[in-house]
């Protein structure tokens, strides 16, 4: 089984709580990153572990992501996939002097992981960077 990670880090000059609220409002991501066309929450109530969201992205098939880890003001992880391909995306906020350091990553694994990482690796890395840049712009323009 193959395992590949795509990752970026960015400094954001804003409080962790503010960046967290922007980051967790996943349905509004299309307003600040072109890497996401639409996000639809599939379960009632606030975002929590076990809740799901359908994510629609340009050049990719729609995918249902399930929240697996949530730490308020710190970040979250969600996963999508099946026994052949699993993708886990992490969104973490670390307070630093003058703001926060945000780390975004996507781990690709499973029997098809190597193929998917090779075919979509550049697009994945580009989308992660677009998300980081958009999060920075949105968080700093409050």
N, C-alpha and C. Protein backbone atom coordinates (compact mmCIF):
# COMPACT_ATOMS: atom_id res chain seq x y z
N UNK A 1 0.83 -1.19 0.00
CA UNK A 1 0.00 0.00 0.00
C UNK A 1 0.87 1.24 0.00
N UNK A 2 0.46 2.21 -0.78
CA UNK A 2 1.22 3.45 -0.89
C UNK A 2 0.68 4.50 0.08
N UNK A 3 1.58 5.36 0.51
CA UNK A 3 1.19 6.48 1.36
C UNK A 3 1.92 7.72 0.84
N UNK A 4 1.17 8.76 0.58
CA UNK A 4 1.74 10.02 0.10
C UNK A 4 1.11 11.16 0.88
N UNK A 5 1.91 12.18 1.17
CA UNK A 5 1.38 13.35 1.87
C UNK A 5 1.68 14.60 1.06
N UNK A 6 0.66 15.44 0.97
CA UNK A 6 0.79 16.76 0.36
C UNK A 6 0.52 17.75 1.48
N UNK A 7 1.35 18.81 1.57
CA UNK A 7 1.30 19.66 2.75
C UNK A 7 1.76 21.08 2.42
N UNK A 8 1.20 22.04 3.15
CA UNK A 8 1.68 23.41 3.09
C UNK A 8 1.47 24.06 4.45
N UNK A 9 2.27 25.08 4.72
CA UNK A 9 2.14 25.87 5.95
C UNK A 9 2.08 27.33 5.56
N UNK A 10 1.34 28.10 6.35
CA UNK A 10 1.24 29.53 6.07
C UNK A 10 1.04 30.29 7.38
N UNK A 11 1.66 31.46 7.48
CA UNK A 11 1.47 32.33 8.64
C UNK A 11 0.28 33.23 8.37
N UNK A 12 -0.60 33.35 9.36
CA UNK A 12 -1.77 34.23 9.26
C UNK A 12 -1.76 35.18 10.44
N UNK A 13 -1.83 36.45 10.14
CA UNK A 13 -1.80 37.48 11.17
C UNK A 13 -3.22 37.73 11.66
N UNK A 14 -3.70 36.80 12.49
CA UNK A 14 -5.05 36.87 13.07
C UNK A 14 -5.08 35.93 14.26
N UNK A 15 -6.01 36.19 15.20
CA UNK A 15 -6.12 35.29 16.36
C UNK A 15 -6.61 33.89 15.95
N UNK A 16 -6.18 32.89 16.70
CA UNK A 16 -6.56 31.50 16.41
C UNK A 16 -8.08 31.33 16.36
N UNK A 17 -8.80 31.98 17.28
CA UNK A 17 -10.26 31.83 17.32
C UNK A 17 -10.89 32.31 16.03
N UNK A 18 -10.37 33.41 15.48
CA UNK A 18 -10.93 33.94 14.23
C UNK A 18 -10.64 33.01 13.06
N UNK A 19 -9.40 32.56 12.96
CA UNK A 19 -9.02 31.64 11.88
C UNK A 19 -9.85 30.35 12.00
N UNK A 20 -10.05 29.88 13.21
CA UNK A 20 -10.84 28.68 13.46
C UNK A 20 -12.26 28.85 12.92
N UNK A 21 -12.90 29.98 13.20
CA UNK A 21 -14.27 30.19 12.74
C UNK A 21 -14.36 30.25 11.21
N UNK A 22 -13.38 30.87 10.59
CA UNK A 22 -13.35 30.89 9.12
C UNK A 22 -13.15 29.47 8.60
N UNK A 23 -12.21 28.74 9.17
CA UNK A 23 -11.88 27.39 8.72
C UNK A 23 -13.04 26.42 8.92
N UNK A 24 -13.72 26.50 10.05
CA UNK A 24 -14.78 25.55 10.36
C UNK A 24 -16.08 25.83 9.59
N UNK A 25 -16.24 27.01 9.06
CA UNK A 25 -17.44 27.36 8.29
C UNK A 25 -17.26 26.82 6.86
N UNK A 26 -17.22 25.49 6.73
CA UNK A 26 -16.85 24.84 5.47
C UNK A 26 -17.80 25.17 4.32
N UNK A 27 -19.07 25.44 4.60
CA UNK A 27 -20.01 25.77 3.53
C UNK A 27 -19.67 27.10 2.85
N UNK A 28 -18.87 27.94 3.50
CA UNK A 28 -18.50 29.24 2.92
C UNK A 28 -17.13 29.21 2.26
N UNK A 29 -16.45 28.07 2.27
CA UNK A 29 -15.13 27.99 1.64
C UNK A 29 -15.12 28.46 0.18
N UNK A 30 -16.16 28.17 -0.61
CA UNK A 30 -16.12 28.64 -2.01
C UNK A 30 -16.01 30.17 -2.15
N UNK A 31 -16.33 30.90 -1.08
CA UNK A 31 -16.21 32.36 -1.11
C UNK A 31 -14.76 32.81 -1.08
N UNK A 32 -13.86 31.96 -0.56
CA UNK A 32 -12.47 32.41 -0.42
C UNK A 32 -11.42 31.47 -1.00
N UNK A 33 -11.84 30.34 -1.58
CA UNK A 33 -10.87 29.50 -2.30
C UNK A 33 -11.50 28.93 -3.56
N UNK A 34 -10.83 29.09 -4.68
CA UNK A 34 -11.30 28.56 -5.95
C UNK A 34 -11.12 27.05 -6.04
N UNK A 35 -10.46 26.44 -5.04
CA UNK A 35 -10.27 24.99 -5.05
C UNK A 35 -11.53 24.24 -4.64
N UNK A 36 -12.53 24.97 -4.16
CA UNK A 36 -13.79 24.36 -3.72
C UNK A 36 -14.94 25.05 -4.45
N UNK A 37 -15.79 24.25 -5.10
CA UNK A 37 -16.97 24.80 -5.78
C UNK A 37 -18.16 24.88 -4.84
N UNK A 38 -18.32 23.84 -3.99
CA UNK A 38 -19.46 23.80 -3.09
C UNK A 38 -19.20 22.78 -1.99
N UNK A 39 -19.69 23.09 -0.78
CA UNK A 39 -19.67 22.16 0.33
C UNK A 39 -21.09 22.11 0.89
N UNK A 40 -21.61 20.89 1.03
CA UNK A 40 -22.96 20.69 1.55
C UNK A 40 -22.87 19.81 2.80
N UNK A 41 -23.29 20.35 3.94
CA UNK A 41 -23.33 19.54 5.16
C UNK A 41 -24.49 18.55 5.03
N UNK A 42 -24.21 17.28 5.29
CA UNK A 42 -25.21 16.22 5.08
C UNK A 42 -25.96 15.82 6.34
N UNK A 43 -25.50 16.28 7.49
CA UNK A 43 -26.13 15.91 8.76
C UNK A 43 -26.60 17.16 9.48
N UNK A 44 -27.67 17.02 10.25
CA UNK A 44 -28.23 18.14 11.02
C UNK A 44 -27.32 18.50 12.18
N UNK A 45 -27.43 19.73 12.62
CA UNK A 45 -26.69 20.17 13.80
C UNK A 45 -25.31 20.69 13.45
N UNK A 46 -24.60 21.16 14.49
CA UNK A 46 -23.26 21.73 14.26
C UNK A 46 -22.27 20.64 13.84
N UNK A 47 -21.18 21.08 13.24
CA UNK A 47 -20.12 20.15 12.84
C UNK A 47 -19.58 19.46 14.07
N UNK A 48 -19.44 18.14 13.98
CA UNK A 48 -18.95 17.33 15.08
C UNK A 48 -18.34 16.05 14.51
N UNK A 49 -17.59 15.35 15.33
CA UNK A 49 -17.02 14.07 14.90
C UNK A 49 -18.17 13.16 14.45
N UNK A 50 -17.99 12.53 13.29
CA UNK A 50 -19.00 11.65 12.73
C UNK A 50 -19.91 12.32 11.71
N UNK A 51 -19.98 13.65 11.73
CA UNK A 51 -20.81 14.36 10.76
C UNK A 51 -20.12 14.34 9.39
N UNK A 52 -20.91 14.51 8.33
CA UNK A 52 -20.39 14.40 6.96
C UNK A 52 -20.68 15.65 6.13
N UNK A 53 -19.85 15.84 5.12
CA UNK A 53 -20.03 16.94 4.18
C UNK A 53 -19.69 16.46 2.78
N UNK A 54 -20.50 16.86 1.83
CA UNK A 54 -20.21 16.56 0.42
C UNK A 54 -19.41 17.74 -0.13
N UNK A 55 -18.23 17.44 -0.68
CA UNK A 55 -17.34 18.47 -1.19
C UNK A 55 -17.25 18.34 -2.71
N UNK A 56 -17.51 19.43 -3.39
CA UNK A 56 -17.44 19.46 -4.85
C UNK A 56 -16.29 20.39 -5.24
N UNK A 57 -15.35 19.84 -6.01
CA UNK A 57 -14.16 20.59 -6.41
C UNK A 57 -14.00 20.54 -7.93
N UNK A 58 -13.45 21.60 -8.51
CA UNK A 58 -13.19 21.58 -9.95
C UNK A 58 -12.23 20.43 -10.31
N UNK A 59 -12.48 19.78 -11.42
CA UNK A 59 -11.61 18.73 -11.98
C UNK A 59 -11.60 17.44 -11.18
N UNK A 60 -12.44 17.32 -10.14
CA UNK A 60 -12.49 16.11 -9.31
C UNK A 60 -13.93 15.64 -9.15
N UNK A 61 -14.09 14.36 -8.85
CA UNK A 61 -15.42 13.82 -8.56
C UNK A 61 -15.86 14.32 -7.18
N UNK A 62 -17.16 14.57 -7.00
CA UNK A 62 -17.64 14.94 -5.66
C UNK A 62 -17.29 13.83 -4.66
N UNK A 63 -17.01 14.22 -3.43
CA UNK A 63 -16.64 13.25 -2.40
C UNK A 63 -17.34 13.59 -1.09
N UNK A 64 -17.70 12.56 -0.35
CA UNK A 64 -18.27 12.75 0.99
C UNK A 64 -17.13 12.58 2.00
N UNK A 65 -16.93 13.63 2.79
CA UNK A 65 -15.88 13.64 3.83
C UNK A 65 -16.55 13.53 5.18
N UNK A 66 -15.94 12.75 6.07
CA UNK A 66 -16.46 12.54 7.42
C UNK A 66 -15.48 13.13 8.44
N UNK A 67 -15.99 13.96 9.34
CA UNK A 67 -15.15 14.56 10.39
C UNK A 67 -14.73 13.47 11.37
N UNK A 68 -13.43 13.32 11.57
CA UNK A 68 -12.92 12.28 12.46
C UNK A 68 -12.23 12.83 13.70
N UNK A 69 -11.84 14.09 13.65
CA UNK A 69 -11.15 14.72 14.78
C UNK A 69 -11.45 16.22 14.74
N UNK A 70 -11.87 16.77 15.88
CA UNK A 70 -12.13 18.20 15.97
C UNK A 70 -11.59 18.68 17.31
N UNK A 71 -10.72 19.69 17.26
CA UNK A 71 -10.20 20.32 18.46
C UNK A 71 -10.45 21.82 18.32
N UNK A 72 -11.44 22.37 19.06
CA UNK A 72 -11.80 23.78 18.92
C UNK A 72 -10.59 24.71 18.98
N UNK A 73 -10.58 25.68 18.09
CA UNK A 73 -9.53 26.69 17.95
C UNK A 73 -8.17 26.10 17.59
N UNK A 74 -8.12 24.81 17.31
CA UNK A 74 -6.86 24.15 16.98
C UNK A 74 -6.90 23.48 15.61
N UNK A 75 -8.03 22.87 15.26
CA UNK A 75 -8.11 22.26 13.94
C UNK A 75 -9.02 21.06 13.86
N UNK A 76 -9.03 20.47 12.67
CA UNK A 76 -9.85 19.28 12.45
C UNK A 76 -9.24 18.41 11.36
N UNK A 77 -9.74 17.16 11.35
CA UNK A 77 -9.39 16.21 10.31
C UNK A 77 -10.68 15.63 9.78
N UNK A 78 -10.71 15.38 8.47
CA UNK A 78 -11.82 14.65 7.89
C UNK A 78 -11.27 13.68 6.86
N UNK A 79 -12.03 12.60 6.61
CA UNK A 79 -11.55 11.56 5.70
C UNK A 79 -12.61 11.25 4.65
N UNK A 80 -12.13 10.71 3.54
CA UNK A 80 -13.01 10.20 2.50
C UNK A 80 -12.35 8.97 1.91
N UNK A 81 -13.15 8.13 1.29
CA UNK A 81 -12.59 6.99 0.60
C UNK A 81 -13.21 5.67 0.98
N UNK A 82 -12.50 4.61 0.61
CA UNK A 82 -12.96 3.24 0.85
C UNK A 82 -11.73 2.34 1.02
N UNK A 83 -11.91 1.04 0.92
CA UNK A 83 -10.78 0.13 1.15
C UNK A 83 -9.70 0.24 0.09
N UNK A 84 -10.01 0.80 -1.09
CA UNK A 84 -9.03 0.94 -2.16
C UNK A 84 -8.25 2.26 -2.11
N UNK A 85 -8.92 3.29 -1.61
CA UNK A 85 -8.31 4.62 -1.57
C UNK A 85 -8.86 5.38 -0.38
N UNK A 86 -7.95 5.93 0.41
CA UNK A 86 -8.36 6.72 1.58
C UNK A 86 -7.60 8.03 1.54
N UNK A 87 -8.33 9.12 1.76
CA UNK A 87 -7.70 10.43 1.85
C UNK A 87 -8.11 11.05 3.18
N UNK A 88 -7.11 11.55 3.90
CA UNK A 88 -7.34 12.23 5.17
C UNK A 88 -6.77 13.64 5.05
N UNK A 89 -7.61 14.62 5.30
CA UNK A 89 -7.17 16.02 5.21
C UNK A 89 -7.15 16.63 6.61
N UNK A 90 -6.03 17.25 6.94
CA UNK A 90 -5.86 17.90 8.24
C UNK A 90 -5.76 19.41 8.05
N UNK A 91 -6.34 20.12 9.01
CA UNK A 91 -6.35 21.59 9.02
C UNK A 91 -6.01 22.01 10.45
N UNK A 92 -4.74 22.40 10.70
CA UNK A 92 -4.31 22.68 12.07
C UNK A 92 -3.82 24.11 12.23
N UNK A 93 -4.13 24.69 13.39
CA UNK A 93 -3.79 26.07 13.74
C UNK A 93 -2.86 26.03 14.95
N UNK A 94 -1.71 26.69 14.85
CA UNK A 94 -0.76 26.76 15.96
C UNK A 94 -0.48 28.23 16.27
N UNK A 95 -0.88 28.71 17.46
CA UNK A 95 -0.57 30.11 17.81
C UNK A 95 0.94 30.35 17.82
N UNK A 96 1.35 31.46 17.24
CA UNK A 96 2.74 31.91 17.25
C UNK A 96 2.72 33.41 17.48
N UNK A 97 3.88 33.98 17.68
CA UNK A 97 3.97 35.42 17.92
C UNK A 97 3.36 36.20 16.75
N UNK A 98 2.35 37.01 17.04
CA UNK A 98 1.75 37.86 16.02
C UNK A 98 0.65 37.22 15.20
N UNK A 99 0.29 35.97 15.51
CA UNK A 99 -0.76 35.32 14.73
C UNK A 99 -0.76 33.82 14.92
N UNK A 100 -0.95 33.11 13.80
CA UNK A 100 -0.97 31.65 13.84
C UNK A 100 -0.21 31.07 12.65
N UNK A 101 0.26 29.87 12.84
CA UNK A 101 0.84 29.09 11.76
C UNK A 101 -0.20 28.02 11.43
N UNK A 102 -0.66 28.00 10.18
CA UNK A 102 -1.65 27.01 9.76
C UNK A 102 -0.96 25.96 8.91
N UNK A 103 -1.23 24.71 9.23
CA UNK A 103 -0.70 23.58 8.46
C UNK A 103 -1.88 22.85 7.84
N UNK A 104 -1.84 22.73 6.52
CA UNK A 104 -2.86 21.99 5.78
C UNK A 104 -2.18 20.81 5.11
N UNK A 105 -2.79 19.64 5.21
CA UNK A 105 -2.19 18.48 4.56
C UNK A 105 -3.27 17.50 4.11
N UNK A 106 -2.91 16.69 3.11
CA UNK A 106 -3.76 15.60 2.64
C UNK A 106 -2.89 14.36 2.57
N UNK A 107 -3.30 13.31 3.26
CA UNK A 107 -2.61 12.02 3.22
C UNK A 107 -3.41 11.10 2.31
N UNK A 108 -2.73 10.50 1.34
CA UNK A 108 -3.36 9.59 0.39
C UNK A 108 -2.80 8.20 0.64
N UNK A 109 -3.68 7.22 0.84
CA UNK A 109 -3.22 5.85 1.11
C UNK A 109 -4.20 4.85 0.48
N UNK A 110 -3.86 3.60 0.59
CA UNK A 110 -4.69 2.54 0.03
C UNK A 110 -4.06 1.97 -1.23
N UNK A 111 -4.68 0.91 -1.75
CA UNK A 111 -4.14 0.23 -2.93
C UNK A 111 -4.02 1.16 -4.13
N UNK A 112 -4.92 2.12 -4.26
CA UNK A 112 -4.87 3.06 -5.38
C UNK A 112 -4.15 4.35 -5.02
N UNK A 113 -3.62 4.43 -3.81
CA UNK A 113 -2.99 5.66 -3.33
C UNK A 113 -1.86 6.16 -4.20
N UNK A 114 -0.97 5.26 -4.60
CA UNK A 114 0.15 5.67 -5.45
C UNK A 114 -0.30 6.21 -6.78
N UNK A 115 -1.25 5.53 -7.40
CA UNK A 115 -1.78 5.96 -8.70
C UNK A 115 -2.44 7.34 -8.57
N UNK A 116 -3.30 7.49 -7.57
CA UNK A 116 -4.02 8.76 -7.38
C UNK A 116 -3.04 9.88 -7.04
N UNK A 117 -2.05 9.58 -6.19
CA UNK A 117 -1.06 10.60 -5.83
C UNK A 117 -0.27 11.06 -7.05
N UNK A 118 0.07 10.12 -7.92
CA UNK A 118 0.82 10.47 -9.12
C UNK A 118 -0.04 11.26 -10.11
N UNK A 119 -1.26 10.79 -10.34
CA UNK A 119 -2.14 11.43 -11.32
C UNK A 119 -2.64 12.80 -10.85
N UNK A 120 -2.96 12.91 -9.55
CA UNK A 120 -3.57 14.14 -9.02
C UNK A 120 -2.68 14.89 -8.04
N UNK A 121 -1.42 14.51 -7.92
CA UNK A 121 -0.53 15.13 -6.94
C UNK A 121 -0.35 16.62 -7.12
N UNK A 122 -0.07 17.05 -8.34
CA UNK A 122 0.14 18.48 -8.59
C UNK A 122 -1.15 19.25 -8.31
N UNK A 123 -2.27 18.73 -8.76
CA UNK A 123 -3.56 19.39 -8.52
C UNK A 123 -3.84 19.46 -7.02
N UNK A 124 -3.58 18.38 -6.31
CA UNK A 124 -3.79 18.35 -4.86
C UNK A 124 -2.93 19.40 -4.17
N UNK A 125 -1.65 19.46 -4.52
CA UNK A 125 -0.77 20.45 -3.90
C UNK A 125 -1.20 21.87 -4.25
N UNK A 126 -1.60 22.08 -5.50
CA UNK A 126 -2.09 23.40 -5.92
C UNK A 126 -3.34 23.79 -5.12
N UNK A 127 -4.26 22.85 -4.93
CA UNK A 127 -5.49 23.14 -4.20
C UNK A 127 -5.21 23.43 -2.73
N UNK A 128 -4.28 22.70 -2.13
CA UNK A 128 -3.92 22.96 -0.74
C UNK A 128 -3.34 24.37 -0.60
N UNK A 129 -2.49 24.76 -1.55
CA UNK A 129 -1.90 26.10 -1.50
C UNK A 129 -2.96 27.17 -1.73
N UNK A 130 -3.90 26.93 -2.65
CA UNK A 130 -5.00 27.87 -2.88
C UNK A 130 -5.83 28.05 -1.62
N UNK A 131 -6.09 26.94 -0.94
CA UNK A 131 -6.86 26.99 0.30
C UNK A 131 -6.11 27.79 1.37
N UNK A 132 -4.82 27.54 1.50
CA UNK A 132 -4.02 28.27 2.49
C UNK A 132 -4.02 29.77 2.19
N UNK A 133 -3.79 30.12 0.94
CA UNK A 133 -3.76 31.54 0.55
C UNK A 133 -5.12 32.20 0.77
N UNK A 134 -6.19 31.50 0.42
CA UNK A 134 -7.53 32.04 0.61
C UNK A 134 -7.88 32.20 2.08
N UNK A 135 -7.49 31.22 2.89
CA UNK A 135 -7.74 31.30 4.33
C UNK A 135 -7.00 32.49 4.93
N UNK A 136 -5.79 32.71 4.49
CA UNK A 136 -5.00 33.85 4.97
C UNK A 136 -5.68 35.17 4.60
N UNK A 137 -6.05 35.31 3.33
CA UNK A 137 -6.69 36.55 2.87
C UNK A 137 -7.99 36.79 3.62
N UNK A 138 -8.83 35.76 3.73
CA UNK A 138 -10.13 35.90 4.41
C UNK A 138 -9.93 36.21 5.89
N UNK A 139 -9.02 35.52 6.55
CA UNK A 139 -8.81 35.71 8.00
C UNK A 139 -8.20 37.06 8.33
N UNK A 140 -7.35 37.57 7.47
CA UNK A 140 -6.69 38.84 7.73
C UNK A 140 -7.54 40.04 7.31
N UNK A 141 -8.63 39.82 6.59
CA UNK A 141 -9.44 40.95 6.08
C UNK A 141 -10.69 41.17 6.91
N UNK A 142 -10.68 40.79 8.17
CA UNK A 142 -11.87 40.92 9.01
C UNK A 142 -12.17 42.33 9.26
